[in-house]
Structure formats: C-alpha cells, structure tokens
Protein backbone atom coordinates (compact mmCIF):
# COMPACT_ATOMS: atom_id res chain seq x y z
CA MET A 1 107.67 85.76 96.08
CA SER A 2 108.84 89.01 95.42
CA LYS A 3 112.15 90.42 95.35
CA ARG A 4 114.25 92.36 97.85
CA GLU A 5 117.46 93.53 96.70
CA ILE A 6 119.55 96.52 96.42
CA ILE A 7 122.44 95.59 93.60
CA LEU A 8 125.70 98.47 93.35
CA GLY A 9 126.34 98.28 89.52
CA GLU A 10 126.22 100.01 86.93
CA ASN A 11 122.48 99.62 85.19
CA GLY A 12 123.29 99.02 81.38
CA GLU A 13 125.59 96.28 82.83
CA VAL A 14 123.41 95.16 85.81
CA LEU A 15 119.96 95.31 83.38
CA PRO A 16 121.10 91.79 80.90
CA SER A 17 121.84 89.65 84.18
CA LEU A 18 117.92 90.42 85.59
CA PRO A 19 115.17 87.60 85.08
CA ASP A 20 112.37 88.46 82.70
CA GLY A 21 109.24 89.67 83.65
CA PHE A 22 109.37 89.65 87.68
CA ALA A 23 108.92 93.52 87.82
CA GLU A 24 104.56 94.39 87.21
CA LEU A 25 106.09 98.39 88.03
CA ILE A 26 109.21 99.88 86.53
CA TYR A 27 110.14 103.54 87.59
CA ILE A 28 113.24 105.07 86.62
CA ASP A 29 114.26 109.14 87.84
CA PRO A 30 117.64 109.30 85.58
CA PRO A 31 119.63 111.88 85.29
CA PHE A 32 117.52 115.60 84.02
CA ASN A 33 121.32 116.52 81.74
CA SER A 34 121.32 119.41 83.71
CA GLY A 35 124.40 119.99 82.97
CA ARG A 36 125.32 121.07 86.26
CA VAL A 37 126.71 118.52 89.22
CA GLN A 38 124.18 117.92 91.61
CA LYS A 39 125.36 118.61 95.32
CA ARG A 40 123.35 117.54 98.52
CA LYS A 41 125.59 117.89 102.09
CA ARG A 42 124.92 115.34 104.58
CA LEU A 43 123.96 116.80 107.69
CA ARG A 44 123.48 115.36 111.14
CA VAL A 45 121.32 118.22 113.67
CA THR A 46 121.14 117.09 117.45
CA SER A 47 119.98 118.95 120.33
CA ASP A 48 122.15 121.11 122.53
CA GLU A 49 120.98 123.76 125.05
CA ARG A 50 124.68 124.94 124.47
CA ALA A 51 124.25 125.71 121.04
CA THR A 52 123.27 129.46 119.17
CA ARG A 53 120.91 128.49 116.37
CA ARG A 54 116.98 128.10 117.61
CA GLY A 55 114.76 125.97 115.77
CA PHE A 56 110.18 124.98 116.88
CA GLY A 57 109.36 126.15 120.18
CA GLY A 58 112.88 127.51 120.45
CA ARG A 59 114.51 124.97 121.15
CA ALA A 60 118.38 125.05 120.67
CA TYR A 61 119.88 122.48 118.22
CA ARG A 62 123.57 122.19 116.87
CA VAL A 63 124.34 120.97 113.55
CA GLU A 64 127.11 118.64 112.11
CA GLU A 65 128.52 117.55 108.38
CA ILE A 66 128.72 114.38 108.44
CA GLY A 67 129.60 114.19 104.07
CA GLU A 68 128.59 115.52 100.69
CA SER A 69 126.76 112.93 98.05
CA SER A 70 127.70 114.14 94.21
CA TYR A 71 127.16 113.05 90.52
CA ALA A 72 128.03 114.62 87.17
CA ASP A 73 124.81 115.58 85.22
CA SER A 74 125.82 116.33 81.78
CA PHE A 75 125.42 113.26 78.24
CA ASP A 76 126.36 114.97 75.08
CA ASP A 77 123.18 112.63 73.62
CA TYR A 78 120.89 111.85 76.16
CA GLU A 79 118.64 109.58 74.43
CA ALA A 80 122.14 107.43 73.45
CA PHE A 81 122.44 107.14 76.95
CA LEU A 82 119.04 106.59 78.36
CA MET A 83 117.47 104.55 75.29
CA PRO A 84 119.14 101.82 75.26
CA ARG A 85 118.58 101.34 79.22
CA ILE A 86 114.54 101.57 78.92
CA GLU A 87 114.98 98.86 75.48
CA ALA A 88 116.64 96.64 78.05
CA SER A 89 114.54 96.63 80.95
CA LEU A 90 111.41 96.22 79.36
CA ARG A 91 111.61 92.36 79.26
CA CYS A 92 112.33 92.66 82.43
CA LEU A 93 108.30 94.04 83.04
CA THR A 94 104.88 91.07 83.35
CA PRO A 95 102.49 91.12 80.46
CA ASP A 96 100.12 93.96 82.34
CA GLY A 97 103.32 96.12 83.82
CA SER A 98 103.75 99.46 83.17
CA LEU A 99 106.98 102.29 82.62
CA PHE A 100 107.11 105.64 84.90
CA VAL A 101 109.78 107.41 83.29
CA HIS A 102 110.66 110.77 85.01
CA LEU A 103 112.02 113.66 84.05
CA ASP A 104 112.19 117.62 83.59
CA ALA A 105 111.09 120.06 80.37
CA ARG A 106 114.69 119.47 79.39
CA GLU A 107 114.68 116.54 77.80
CA VAL A 108 111.18 114.61 78.05
CA HIS A 109 109.86 116.18 74.31
CA TYR A 110 113.20 114.02 72.80
CA VAL A 111 112.65 110.97 74.99
CA LYS A 112 108.95 110.55 74.65
CA VAL A 113 108.97 110.68 71.37
CA ALA A 114 111.36 108.15 71.15
CA LEU A 115 109.39 106.30 73.56
CA ASP A 116 106.43 106.38 71.37
CA GLY A 117 108.69 105.05 68.56
CA LEU A 118 110.04 102.30 70.88
CA LEU A 119 106.59 100.94 72.29
CA GLY A 120 103.97 102.45 70.51
CA ARG A 121 102.09 105.58 70.39
CA ASP A 122 99.19 103.41 71.57
CA ALA A 123 101.30 102.84 74.69
CA PHE A 124 101.34 105.97 76.34
CA MET A 125 98.71 106.25 79.19
CA ASN A 126 99.67 109.49 80.41
CA GLU A 127 101.79 112.56 81.25
CA ILE A 128 101.81 113.48 84.82
CA ILE A 129 103.17 116.52 85.93
CA TRP A 130 104.35 116.91 89.47
CA ALA A 131 103.64 120.47 90.44
CA TYR A 132 105.80 121.90 93.36
CA ASP A 133 106.32 125.05 94.98
CA PHE A 134 109.16 125.88 96.58
CA GLY A 135 112.82 127.29 95.72
CA GLY A 136 114.41 129.81 94.30
CA ARG A 137 112.23 133.05 91.98
CA PRO A 138 114.10 134.22 89.19
CA LYS A 139 113.18 137.32 87.68
CA THR A 140 113.72 136.87 83.75
CA ARG A 141 111.40 134.54 83.14
CA TRP A 142 108.85 132.68 84.54
CA PRO A 143 110.05 129.29 87.18
CA SER A 144 109.83 126.42 86.25
CA LYS A 145 108.10 125.04 89.74
CA HIS A 146 107.32 120.89 87.84
CA ASP A 147 108.23 117.30 86.50
CA SER A 148 106.62 115.29 83.88
CA ILE A 149 106.21 111.52 84.58
CA LEU A 150 105.23 109.26 81.50
CA TRP A 151 103.24 106.32 81.66
CA TYR A 152 103.92 103.65 78.95
CA ALA A 153 101.71 100.21 79.32
CA LYS A 154 103.94 97.37 78.13
CA ASN A 155 100.04 96.02 76.58
CA PRO A 156 98.02 99.04 76.23
CA LYS A 157 94.37 96.70 76.28
CA LYS A 158 95.31 95.15 79.61
CA TYR A 159 97.30 96.59 82.05
CA VAL A 160 97.29 97.22 86.27
CA PHE A 161 95.64 99.76 87.54
CA GLU A 162 93.98 99.26 90.70
CA TYR A 163 91.44 102.53 90.94
CA ALA A 164 90.07 101.62 94.67
CA ALA A 165 94.33 101.76 95.87
CA MET A 166 94.44 105.61 94.88
CA ASP A 167 93.89 108.02 97.36
CA ARG A 168 91.43 111.09 97.61
CA ILE A 169 92.40 114.56 97.72
CA PRO A 170 90.03 117.46 98.86
CA TYR A 171 87.75 119.37 97.05
CA LEU A 172 88.83 123.02 96.14
CA ALA A 173 85.65 123.85 96.80
CA PRO A 174 83.40 121.69 98.68
CA GLY A 175 80.46 123.75 99.46
CA LEU A 176 79.60 122.88 95.82
CA VAL A 177 79.27 119.17 96.11
CA GLY A 178 77.63 118.57 98.80
CA PRO A 179 78.44 117.41 102.36
CA GLU A 180 79.23 113.14 101.23
CA LYS A 181 81.50 114.25 97.96
CA ALA A 182 83.11 116.55 100.42
CA ALA A 183 84.07 114.17 103.13
CA ARG A 184 85.03 111.49 100.49
CA GLY A 185 87.37 114.02 98.62
CA LYS A 186 87.85 113.31 95.24
CA THR A 187 90.46 111.45 92.61
CA PRO A 188 93.69 112.72 91.59
CA THR A 189 94.17 113.87 87.50
CA ASP A 190 97.33 114.22 85.93
CA VAL A 191 98.69 117.42 87.54
CA TRP A 192 100.04 116.14 91.20
CA TRP A 193 100.93 119.14 93.50
CA GLN A 194 102.84 117.50 96.01
CA THR A 195 106.02 119.57 98.08
CA ILE A 196 109.92 118.74 97.34
CA VAL A 197 111.39 116.91 100.76
CA PRO A 198 111.34 119.08 103.57
CA THR A 199 115.28 120.08 104.37
CA ASN A 200 114.71 119.07 108.37
CA GLY A 201 112.21 116.58 107.13
CA ARG A 202 112.41 112.84 108.50
CA GLU A 203 112.09 110.99 105.63
CA LYS A 204 115.17 113.50 104.00
CA THR A 205 118.03 110.91 103.53
CA GLY A 206 120.55 113.91 101.97
CA TYR A 207 120.90 112.42 98.68
CA ALA A 208 120.94 114.80 95.74
CA THR A 209 117.39 115.15 93.70
CA GLN A 210 115.84 112.82 96.62
CA LYS A 211 111.88 112.75 95.64
CA PRO A 212 108.26 112.48 98.13
CA LEU A 213 107.39 109.57 99.27
CA ALA A 214 104.16 110.65 98.58
CA VAL A 215 104.59 110.60 95.05
CA LEU A 216 105.72 107.52 94.61
CA ASP A 217 103.00 105.90 97.01
CA ARG A 218 100.63 106.66 95.16
CA ILE A 219 102.26 104.80 91.33
CA VAL A 220 103.27 102.10 93.59
CA ARG A 221 99.90 101.26 95.51
CA VAL A 222 97.42 102.04 91.97
CA HIS A 223 100.02 100.27 89.51
CA THR A 224 100.89 97.07 91.34
CA ARG A 225 99.06 94.43 93.05
CA PRO A 226 100.37 93.27 96.97
CA GLY A 227 103.00 91.18 96.48
CA ALA A 228 104.39 92.15 93.39
CA THR A 229 107.70 93.69 92.91
CA VAL A 230 109.60 96.98 91.60
CA LEU A 231 112.20 97.97 89.48
CA ASP A 232 114.11 101.27 89.47
CA PHE A 233 117.56 101.19 88.15
CA PHE A 234 118.26 104.94 88.87
CA ALA A 235 117.57 104.03 92.31
CA GLY A 236 119.16 107.03 94.09
CA SER A 237 118.12 107.77 97.71
CA GLY A 238 115.58 104.41 97.48
CA THR A 239 112.37 106.28 97.77
CA THR A 240 111.05 104.01 94.92
CA GLY A 241 112.11 101.15 97.22
CA ALA A 242 110.63 102.64 100.49
CA ALA A 243 107.64 103.19 98.92
CA ALA A 244 107.18 99.28 97.71
CA ALA A 245 108.35 98.03 100.96
CA ARG A 246 105.72 100.32 103.12
CA HIS A 247 103.15 98.68 100.73
CA GLY A 248 103.78 94.99 100.54
CA ARG A 249 105.66 94.97 97.41
CA GLY A 250 109.18 93.80 96.46
CA PHE A 251 112.13 95.85 95.07
CA VAL A 252 115.07 95.53 93.00
CA LEU A 253 117.19 98.57 92.91
CA VAL A 254 120.48 99.36 90.68
CA ASP A 255 122.50 102.71 90.87
CA GLN A 256 125.93 102.86 90.38
CA SER A 257 127.15 105.24 93.16
CA ARG A 258 128.29 104.35 96.81
CA ASP A 259 126.76 107.10 98.06
CA ALA A 260 123.57 105.92 96.49
CA ALA A 261 124.35 102.24 98.24
CA ARG A 262 124.89 103.51 101.22
CA ILE A 263 122.09 105.00 101.57
CA MET A 264 119.32 102.71 100.10
CA ALA A 265 121.62 100.22 102.27
CA GLU A 266 120.96 101.73 105.46
CA ARG A 267 117.39 103.66 104.61
CA LEU A 268 115.51 99.38 103.79
CA ALA A 269 117.61 97.63 106.64
CA GLU A 270 114.64 96.93 108.72
CA TYR A 271 113.29 95.29 104.89
CA GLU A 272 116.38 92.60 104.94
CA PRO A 273 116.99 93.24 101.27
CA ARG A 274 120.05 91.27 99.23
CA LEU A 275 123.09 93.28 98.98
CA VAL A 276 124.62 92.59 95.46
CA GLY A 277 127.67 93.60 94.33
CA PHE A 278 129.02 95.54 97.39
CA THR A 279 131.88 95.34 98.81
CA HIS A 280 131.95 96.24 103.46
CA ASP A 281 133.00 100.05 102.65
CA ALA A 282 129.61 100.46 100.25
CA ARG A 283 127.26 98.73 103.49
CA ALA A 284 125.90 101.51 104.99
CA THR A 285 125.59 100.97 108.89
CA PRO A 286 126.88 98.23 111.26
CA ARG A 287 123.33 98.01 111.80
CA ALA A 288 123.27 97.79 107.76
CA ARG A 289 125.80 95.40 107.76
CA ARG A 290 124.74 92.66 110.37
CA ARG A 291 121.08 92.81 108.28
CA ALA A 292 122.67 92.21 105.26
CA ARG A 293 124.58 88.99 106.26
C-alpha cells in the first residue's frame, strides 16, 4: 500500500530513517542558491462591495495579508550541501525508479557533473527545460525564463516510462499534419512551456517558489504507476504530493520549514496524510488537525 506522509524535519536527518526501495520516483526542487531570501506574502481575497479594488467583471474585493513565508537561499558550497542528501535518498528508490532534480542556471551545470559521477553518465536520461514567460525583463541581459529538470534512471536499461499516460499538446501548425493528427495532438519534447502559478489562481498557496501542478502532473503520470509512492525531501508547498495524490499515488514529503509543513498539511488534508514530527502549533488549521488524528 502506498504511503501518505508529511514529515517536518531536516532532510539530512530524516532520509536515513526512511525504508529502502519504497519510492518509484524522487522529485526534488532544492533551493537554487540565488543568494537572496525568498519571500512570498500570503493573502486572503474576499468579495466586498464596499471595497475600492476592482477585478474581473467589475467585482469589488478586499485583500488581507495573513502572513509571509520565507527561507534563506544561500550556501557557501552548494554541491556539498545537496549531493550527500541525494546520495542518501537513492536507496529509497525502487530498482526501476527515477530521480528528478529541479534547478536553475546558477547550479545546474555543477550538479549535472556531480550526478554523472554519482550515478554514471549512462543513467542520465534527459534535461527537461521548463520555460515560462512571466515576470520582469531586465534591459542589461536576456531575461532568464527557464529552469532545468535533470532526469536520471536508477537502472538506465529498465525504468518506468508510461508513454500512454503522457498528455498531448496542440500542433503549432495543425494544417500541416491533417485533421486526425491535429485532433490527437503531439507528444511533448524536452522543452515544456507552462506558465508559473498565477498570483490569483486557485492553485496558489502563498509559499515562495511554488511550482505549477501541471509540471508535476506530467512527471508523476509518466514516471510512476498507479499505487506507487513519490518522495520529495524539499517538499515546500506540497505540489509533488498534490500531483501524486490526484493520480492515485502515495507520497512522502519532507521539509524543515514550519511554514511549509502547515501549508502542506492544509493543502493535502483531504487525503488524510500521516503527520510526522508535527507539534500542535505546526498543524495547519483545525480541519487539518482533525484529519491528522
């Protein structure tokens, strides 16, 4: 039976306590070593005809700030921070499991070389480019609008890749391929165009650096089978768990941030996860506390 757990704790300490071979997929989105403190305000938006703010259809609304999440994104030696944690996690993979590491341009080249050394160059399967088009555009360089996701297979000769579960995307020139192919769509390449999480979207949790559910949906559907378990030990807002749960997979999510723990417990409460390492003040809401009993 697949697991459903949210663990509040430092992943370097938690990983050795996890069982062998339980996860068909490991996905991590570690801090990017940007040298900045990442912050995101959490807002509550409510309809209020007396308010001065106007939105879609002229509706009036009121915005209330209810908190802020943040973390320091700076390490003197990023590779020394990240690689021991990845190495400690590998025994958690099934023999046909995969590792996905989500990075940006600052560190991806160094981590790629380190992963080649750890797993072997033949275990490297793809560098997936997640491209988006949102945010500021500096006038001193080309705007940075992509992340890299490195995919490694534990066994490059036998790994989970559910081609039939892959979503399809529209052809850019459907008139060139005929109506049947145009209706079916084409399979994605290693470049994924997907907007960031919309500021006012239902998906938004208020957690800094939250990644879109659509990106994790694709990874989970293709690289796991129904009933499998996914491990994320930099779990943040819990997007990996949300993608896993909605597709009938289990999840083990680890993060040392109490902000992250509260957000994940609330976001995933309907799936009744086991909460490990939580104190009462770390639980998300009365609803989440009831679910956790």
